[in-house]
Amino acid sequence: MSSQSDAYLDGNAAAGELNRIFAFDITAAQGQCVRCGAKRHFAEAHLYVECPGIVARCPVCGQVLLRLVNAGKRLLLDLRGMAYLALSPSEFEDSGV
């Protein structure tokens, strides 16, 4: 792989698109990778945007955690790379949920 294809953003770059789905700041949520078990805030994920949509990968093992594709009238979301996604009660209170 070339260094160009290895370039990524952090998970914060997905906040705008994910705010269309979630009523809270998902970048503050903690998730667990199904492959390696790493527990990290979504903001730490490696985000790839040079594809049709957004792909978030585990910063430890590279497992795909999330895929989000805007397909016109539908948003397609795949979270099967995460064992869970958790928010603390204070994050719900801050978002007005």
Protein backbone atom coordinates (compact mmCIF):
# COMPACT_ATOMS: atom_id res chain seq x y z
CA MET A 1 0.00 0.00 0.00
CA SER A 2 1.19 3.48 -0.75
CA SER A 3 1.36 6.16 1.91
CA GLN A 4 -1.32 8.07 -0.07
CA SER A 5 -3.86 5.26 0.42
CA ASP A 6 -2.95 4.99 4.11
CA ALA A 7 -4.04 8.59 4.79
CA TYR A 8 -6.99 8.90 7.14
CA LEU A 9 -8.84 11.43 9.30
CA ASP A 10 -9.95 10.86 12.87
CA GLY A 11 -13.53 9.94 13.75
CA ASN A 12 -14.45 13.58 14.43
CA ALA A 13 -14.64 14.10 10.66
CA ALA A 14 -17.76 11.92 10.56
CA ALA A 15 -19.70 14.08 13.04
CA GLY A 16 -21.63 16.04 10.40
CA GLU A 17 -22.92 13.03 8.50
CA LEU A 18 -23.62 11.01 11.65
CA ASN A 19 -25.57 13.90 13.19
CA ARG A 20 -28.11 13.30 10.41
CA ILE A 21 -28.85 9.91 12.05
CA PHE A 22 -28.08 10.31 15.76
CA ALA A 23 -29.49 12.97 18.09
CA PHE A 24 -26.24 13.02 20.09
CA ASP A 25 -22.55 13.47 19.40
CA ILE A 26 -21.47 9.97 18.39
CA THR A 27 -17.80 10.97 18.40
CA ALA A 28 -17.94 11.04 22.22
CA ALA A 29 -19.43 7.52 22.37
CA GLN A 30 -17.22 4.60 23.33
CA GLY A 31 -17.29 1.49 21.20
CA GLN A 32 -15.62 -1.91 21.28
CA CYS A 33 -14.03 -3.52 18.23
CA VAL A 34 -15.41 -7.00 17.51
CA ARG A 35 -12.03 -8.24 16.26
CA CYS A 36 -9.47 -7.12 18.85
CA GLY A 37 -11.69 -5.98 21.73
CA ALA A 38 -10.18 -2.47 21.87
CA LYS A 39 -12.42 0.03 23.65
CA ARG A 40 -12.03 3.54 22.25
CA HIS A 41 -14.04 6.70 21.72
CA PHE A 42 -15.38 6.88 18.18
CA ALA A 43 -13.36 10.08 17.69
CA GLU A 44 -10.20 7.90 17.80
CA ALA A 45 -11.30 5.76 14.83
CA HIS A 46 -9.37 6.07 11.58
CA LEU A 47 -11.77 7.57 9.06
CA TYR A 48 -11.45 7.05 5.32
CA VAL A 49 -13.50 9.32 3.07
CA GLU A 50 -11.95 8.71 -0.35
CA CYS A 51 -14.56 6.06 -1.13
CA PRO A 52 -18.30 6.05 -1.76
CA GLY A 53 -19.24 7.12 1.76
CA ILE A 54 -17.41 6.97 5.08
CA VAL A 55 -15.46 4.02 6.45
CA ALA A 56 -14.27 4.05 10.08
CA ARG A 57 -11.59 1.54 11.14
CA CYS A 58 -10.29 0.45 14.52
CA PRO A 59 -7.11 2.41 15.35
CA VAL A 60 -5.59 -0.74 16.90
CA CYS A 61 -6.24 -3.57 14.40
CA GLY A 62 -7.79 -1.91 11.33
CA GLN A 63 -11.15 -3.74 11.54
CA VAL A 64 -13.98 -1.88 9.78
CA LEU A 65 -16.15 -0.46 12.58
CA LEU A 66 -18.66 1.60 10.63
CA ARG A 67 -19.73 2.21 7.04
CA LEU A 68 -22.03 5.09 6.11
CA VAL A 69 -23.21 5.71 2.56
CA ASN A 70 -25.54 8.49 1.44
CA ALA A 71 -27.55 6.84 -1.34
CA GLY A 72 -29.76 9.75 -2.30
CA LYS A 73 -33.04 9.27 -0.46
CA ARG A 74 -31.54 6.74 1.97
CA LEU A 75 -28.61 6.59 4.36
CA LEU A 76 -27.09 3.14 4.70
CA LEU A 77 -25.38 2.46 8.04
CA ASP A 78 -23.41 -0.68 8.93
CA LEU A 79 -22.11 -0.96 12.53
CA ARG A 80 -21.39 -4.69 12.65
CA GLY A 81 -17.69 -4.07 13.32
CA MET A 82 -18.53 -2.81 16.81
CA ALA A 83 -19.56 -5.06 19.68
CA TYR A 84 -21.28 -2.05 21.26
CA LEU A 85 -21.53 1.74 21.16
CA ALA A 86 -22.08 3.40 24.56
CA LEU A 87 -22.82 6.91 25.77
CA SER A 88 -22.80 8.19 29.33
CA PRO A 89 -26.04 9.75 30.65
CA SER A 90 -24.39 13.20 30.69
CA GLU A 91 -23.91 13.01 26.89
CA PHE A 92 -27.66 12.50 26.45
CA GLU A 93 -28.41 15.43 28.76
CA ASP A 94 -26.02 17.72 26.84
CA SER A 95 -27.70 16.86 23.52
CA GLY A 96 -31.25 17.44 24.73
CA VAL A 97 -32.27 13.79 24.14
